[in-house]
Amino acid sequence: MLNGKKRSYLKSIANGTKPTTQIGKEGITEEFLTQLDDQLRAREIVKVTILETAGLETKETANAVCEAIRAEFVQAIGNRFTVYKRNTESPKIIFPGHEQAKAKNKGESNSKRITKKQATYGVKTKSIRNKNKSKKK
């Protein structure tokens, strides 16, 4: 299921794409569904146009297509609708906030936290304390 943010992100992607398939007077056929499924595997998001001669309602047709191929309905505008189906093997669309985590190096520390002891005695870091000891000797 798509939540609002994911659907919004997919709408922004679909805004720049052109329709790649059409539904004609024959309606939804098996050939159309296999073609659409192949396109979804390759692109993950596809925009479909319903021709006027088909005489089909856009949202009803989109829901029927999504149910038939197990895809997610994104949006319907006029006689066009957009469908999304995630490719589990090699995803093309990565949603914001779902990027793959980067591994940290053991030597690097981005933490600027101070311990209770450092806060109490005003000692900033261990390295400064070690430098001060070496200067006294």
C-alpha atoms as a PDB file:
ATOM      1  CA  MET A   1       0.000   0.000   0.000  1.00  0.00           C
ATOM      2  CA  LEU A   2       1.133   3.480  -0.815  1.00  0.00           C
ATOM      3  CA  ASN A   3       0.871   6.190   1.798  1.00  0.00           C
ATOM      4  CA  GLY A   4       0.379   9.871   0.973  1.00  0.00           C
ATOM      5  CA  LYS A   5       4.058  10.816   0.776  1.00  0.00           C
ATOM      6  CA  LYS A   6       4.979   7.899  -1.460  1.00  0.00           C
ATOM      7  CA  ARG A   7       1.989   8.549  -3.728  1.00  0.00           C
ATOM      8  CA  SER A   8       2.948  12.236  -3.926  1.00  0.00           C
ATOM      9  CA  TYR A   9       6.527  11.322  -4.862  1.00  0.00           C
ATOM     10  CA  LEU A  10       5.274   8.960  -7.589  1.00  0.00           C
ATOM     11  CA  LYS A  11       2.965  11.687  -8.927  1.00  0.00           C
ATOM     12  CA  SER A  12       5.952  14.014  -9.249  1.00  0.00           C
ATOM     13  CA  ILE A  13       7.821  11.349 -11.229  1.00  0.00           C
ATOM     14  CA  ALA A  14       4.789  10.602 -13.419  1.00  0.00           C
ATOM     15  CA  ASN A  15       4.309  14.279 -14.181  1.00  0.00           C
ATOM     16  CA  GLY A  16       7.270  14.292 -16.560  1.00  0.00           C
ATOM     17  CA  THR A  17       6.563  10.965 -18.274  1.00  0.00           C
ATOM     18  CA  LYS A  18       4.468  10.386 -21.369  1.00  0.00           C
ATOM     19  CA  PRO A  19       1.869   7.611 -21.701  1.00  0.00           C
ATOM     20  CA  THR A  20       3.432   4.433 -23.063  1.00  0.00           C
ATOM     21  CA  THR A  21       0.368   2.207 -23.565  1.00  0.00           C
ATOM     22  CA  GLN A  22      -3.216   2.634 -24.686  1.00  0.00           C
ATOM     23  CA  ILE A  23      -6.501   0.881 -24.053  1.00  0.00           C
ATOM     24  CA  GLY A  24      -8.615   0.841 -27.201  1.00  0.00           C
ATOM     25  CA  LYS A  25     -12.101  -0.299 -28.160  1.00  0.00           C
ATOM     26  CA  GLU A  26     -11.271  -3.915 -27.301  1.00  0.00           C
ATOM     27  CA  GLY A  27     -10.855  -2.898 -23.653  1.00  0.00           C
ATOM     28  CA  ILE A  28      -8.554  -4.684 -21.223  1.00  0.00           C
ATOM     29  CA  THR A  29      -7.081  -7.738 -22.936  1.00  0.00           C
ATOM     30  CA  GLU A  30      -4.580 -10.373 -21.833  1.00  0.00           C
ATOM     31  CA  GLU A  31      -2.029  -9.001 -24.313  1.00  0.00           C
ATOM     32  CA  PHE A  32      -2.416  -5.533 -22.810  1.00  0.00           C
ATOM     33  CA  LEU A  33      -1.946  -6.886 -19.276  1.00  0.00           C
ATOM     34  CA  THR A  34       1.203  -8.846 -20.174  1.00  0.00           C
ATOM     35  CA  GLN A  35       2.629  -5.823 -22.007  1.00  0.00           C
ATOM     36  CA  LEU A  36       1.870  -3.567 -19.035  1.00  0.00           C
ATOM     37  CA  ASP A  37       3.384  -6.056 -16.588  1.00  0.00           C
ATOM     38  CA  ASP A  38       6.577  -6.214 -18.659  1.00  0.00           C
ATOM     39  CA  GLN A  39       6.790  -2.413 -18.727  1.00  0.00           C
ATOM     40  CA  LEU A  40       6.251  -2.237 -14.975  1.00  0.00           C
ATOM     41  CA  ARG A  41       9.061  -4.735 -14.411  1.00  0.00           C
ATOM     42  CA  ALA A  42      11.373  -2.544 -16.485  1.00  0.00           C
ATOM     43  CA  ARG A  43      10.274   0.931 -15.290  1.00  0.00           C
ATOM     44  CA  GLU A  44       8.161   0.440 -12.131  1.00  0.00           C
ATOM     45  CA  ILE A  45       5.858   3.326 -13.141  1.00  0.00           C
ATOM     46  CA  VAL A  46       3.730   3.462 -16.294  1.00  0.00           C
ATOM     47  CA  LYS A  47       1.202   5.957 -17.585  1.00  0.00           C
ATOM     48  CA  VAL A  48      -1.728   4.576 -19.603  1.00  0.00           C
ATOM     49  CA  THR A  49      -4.131   6.378 -21.947  1.00  0.00           C
ATOM     50  CA  ILE A  50      -7.726   5.244 -22.479  1.00  0.00           C
ATOM     51  CA  LEU A  51      -8.923   6.086 -25.958  1.00  0.00           C
ATOM     52  CA  GLU A  52     -12.340   7.711 -26.353  1.00  0.00           C
ATOM     53  CA  THR A  53     -13.542   4.811 -28.507  1.00  0.00           C
ATOM     54  CA  ALA A  54     -13.082   2.429 -25.564  1.00  0.00           C
ATOM     55  CA  GLY A  55     -15.973   3.999 -23.650  1.00  0.00           C
ATOM     56  CA  LEU A  56     -14.454   3.086 -20.253  1.00  0.00           C
ATOM     57  CA  GLU A  57     -14.344   5.094 -17.037  1.00  0.00           C
ATOM     58  CA  THR A  58     -10.791   5.980 -16.060  1.00  0.00           C
ATOM     59  CA  LYS A  59     -10.809   5.150 -12.342  1.00  0.00           C
ATOM     60  CA  GLU A  60     -12.819   1.952 -12.722  1.00  0.00           C
ATOM     61  CA  THR A  61     -10.491   0.750 -15.475  1.00  0.00           C
ATOM     62  CA  ALA A  62      -7.397   1.690 -13.478  1.00  0.00           C
ATOM     63  CA  ASN A  63      -8.623  -0.238 -10.433  1.00  0.00           C
ATOM     64  CA  ALA A  64      -9.434  -3.286 -12.584  1.00  0.00           C
ATOM     65  CA  VAL A  65      -5.980  -3.211 -14.189  1.00  0.00           C
ATOM     66  CA  CYS A  66      -4.244  -2.796 -10.812  1.00  0.00           C
ATOM     67  CA  GLU A  67      -6.172  -5.723  -9.365  1.00  0.00           C
ATOM     68  CA  ALA A  68      -5.380  -7.926 -12.374  1.00  0.00           C
ATOM     69  CA  ILE A  69      -1.615  -7.354 -12.292  1.00  0.00           C
ATOM     70  CA  ARG A  70      -1.229  -6.661  -8.537  1.00  0.00           C
ATOM     71  CA  ALA A  71      -0.031  -3.106  -8.983  1.00  0.00           C
ATOM     72  CA  GLU A  72      -0.700   0.139  -7.108  1.00  0.00           C
ATOM     73  CA  PHE A  73      -2.928   2.895  -8.473  1.00  0.00           C
ATOM     74  CA  VAL A  74      -1.168   6.271  -8.341  1.00  0.00           C
ATOM     75  CA  GLN A  75      -3.454   8.801 -10.011  1.00  0.00           C
ATOM     76  CA  ALA A  76      -6.031   9.362 -12.732  1.00  0.00           C
ATOM     77  CA  ILE A  77      -6.309  12.605 -14.672  1.00  0.00           C
ATOM     78  CA  GLY A  78      -8.781  12.883 -17.520  1.00  0.00           C
ATOM     79  CA  ASN A  79      -8.464   9.801 -19.694  1.00  0.00           C
ATOM     80  CA  ARG A  80      -5.022   8.847 -18.350  1.00  0.00           C
ATOM     81  CA  PHE A  81      -3.968   6.923 -15.280  1.00  0.00           C
ATOM     82  CA  THR A  82      -0.675   5.988 -13.672  1.00  0.00           C
ATOM     83  CA  VAL A  83       0.244   2.604 -12.218  1.00  0.00           C
ATOM     84  CA  TYR A  84       3.186   1.618  -9.972  1.00  0.00           C
ATOM     85  CA  LYS A  85       4.562  -1.829  -9.213  1.00  0.00           C
ATOM     86  CA  ARG A  86       7.784  -2.268  -7.227  1.00  0.00           C
ATOM     87  CA  ASN A  87      10.443  -4.448  -8.810  1.00  0.00           C
ATOM     88  CA  THR A  88      11.660  -6.693  -5.990  1.00  0.00           C
ATOM     89  CA  GLU A  89      14.789  -7.868  -7.832  1.00  0.00           C
ATOM     90  CA  SER A  90      16.222  -4.501  -8.856  1.00  0.00           C
ATOM     91  CA  PRO A  91      14.194  -1.465  -7.721  1.00  0.00           C
ATOM     92  CA  LYS A  92      14.511   1.602  -9.956  1.00  0.00           C
ATOM     93  CA  ILE A  93      12.568   4.064  -7.797  1.00  0.00           C
ATOM     94  CA  ILE A  94      13.888   4.732  -4.309  1.00  0.00           C
ATOM     95  CA  PHE A  95      11.626   6.815  -2.125  1.00  0.00           C
ATOM     96  CA  PRO A  96      13.060   9.751  -0.145  1.00  0.00           C
ATOM     97  CA  GLY A  97      14.205   8.617   3.280  1.00  0.00           C
ATOM     98  CA  HIS A  98      14.600   5.015   2.125  1.00  0.00           C
ATOM     99  CA  GLU A  99      18.141   5.258   0.775  1.00  0.00           C
ATOM    100  CA  GLN A 100      20.501   2.459   1.643  1.00  0.00           C
ATOM    101  CA  ALA A 101      22.383   3.106   4.868  1.00  0.00           C
ATOM    102  CA  LYS A 102      26.080   3.903   4.614  1.00  0.00           C
ATOM    103  CA  ALA A 103      28.536   1.954   6.762  1.00  0.00           C
ATOM    104  CA  LYS A 104      30.618   3.942   9.233  1.00  0.00           C
ATOM    105  CA  ASN A 105      34.365   3.551   9.461  1.00  0.00           C
ATOM    106  CA  LYS A 106      35.562   2.362  12.860  1.00  0.00           C
ATOM    107  CA  GLY A 107      38.039   5.212  13.221  1.00  0.00           C
ATOM    108  CA  GLU A 108      35.539   7.976  12.481  1.00  0.00           C
ATOM    109  CA  SER A 109      33.319   9.406  15.148  1.00  0.00           C
ATOM    110  CA  ASN A 110      30.721  12.013  14.235  1.00  0.00           C
ATOM    111  CA  SER A 111      29.533  12.192  17.810  1.00  0.00           C
ATOM    112  CA  LYS A 112      30.121  15.456  19.625  1.00  0.00           C
ATOM    113  CA  ARG A 113      28.662  14.171  22.881  1.00  0.00           C
ATOM    114  CA  ILE A 114      30.453  14.790  26.116  1.00  0.00           C
ATOM    115  CA  THR A 115      30.471  12.518  29.105  1.00  0.00           C
ATOM    116  CA  LYS A 116      29.302  13.477  32.550  1.00  0.00           C
ATOM    117  CA  LYS A 117      32.914  13.574  33.735  1.00  0.00           C
ATOM    118  CA  GLN A 118      33.898  15.925  30.903  1.00  0.00           C
ATOM    119  CA  ALA A 119      30.998  18.235  31.691  1.00  0.00           C
ATOM    120  CA  THR A 120      31.784  18.250  35.433  1.00  0.00           C
ATOM    121  CA  TYR A 121      35.526  18.886  35.241  1.00  0.00           C
ATOM    122  CA  GLY A 122      35.589  20.910  32.037  1.00  0.00           C
ATOM    123  CA  VAL A 123      37.781  18.407  30.220  1.00  0.00           C
ATOM    124  CA  LYS A 124      36.981  18.582  26.523  1.00  0.00           C
ATOM    125  CA  THR A 125      38.572  15.442  25.124  1.00  0.00           C
ATOM    126  CA  LYS A 126      41.006  12.750  26.105  1.00  0.00           C
ATOM    127  CA  SER A 127      43.498  13.881  23.491  1.00  0.00           C
ATOM    128  CA  ILE A 128      43.780  17.331  25.113  1.00  0.00           C
ATOM    129  CA  ARG A 129      44.314  15.747  28.509  1.00  0.00           C
ATOM    130  CA  ASN A 130      47.097  13.572  27.072  1.00  0.00           C
ATOM    131  CA  LYS A 131      48.759  16.610  25.461  1.00  0.00           C
ATOM    132  CA  ASN A 132      48.714  18.493  28.755  1.00  0.00           C
ATOM    133  CA  LYS A 133      50.366  15.599  30.579  1.00  0.00           C
ATOM    134  CA  SER A 134      53.139  15.422  28.018  1.00  0.00           C
ATOM    135  CA  LYS A 135      53.811  19.194  28.355  1.00  0.00           C
ATOM    136  CA  LYS A 136      54.174  18.986  32.173  1.00  0.00           C
ATOM    137  CA  LYS A 137      56.915  16.361  31.985  1.00  0.00           C
END
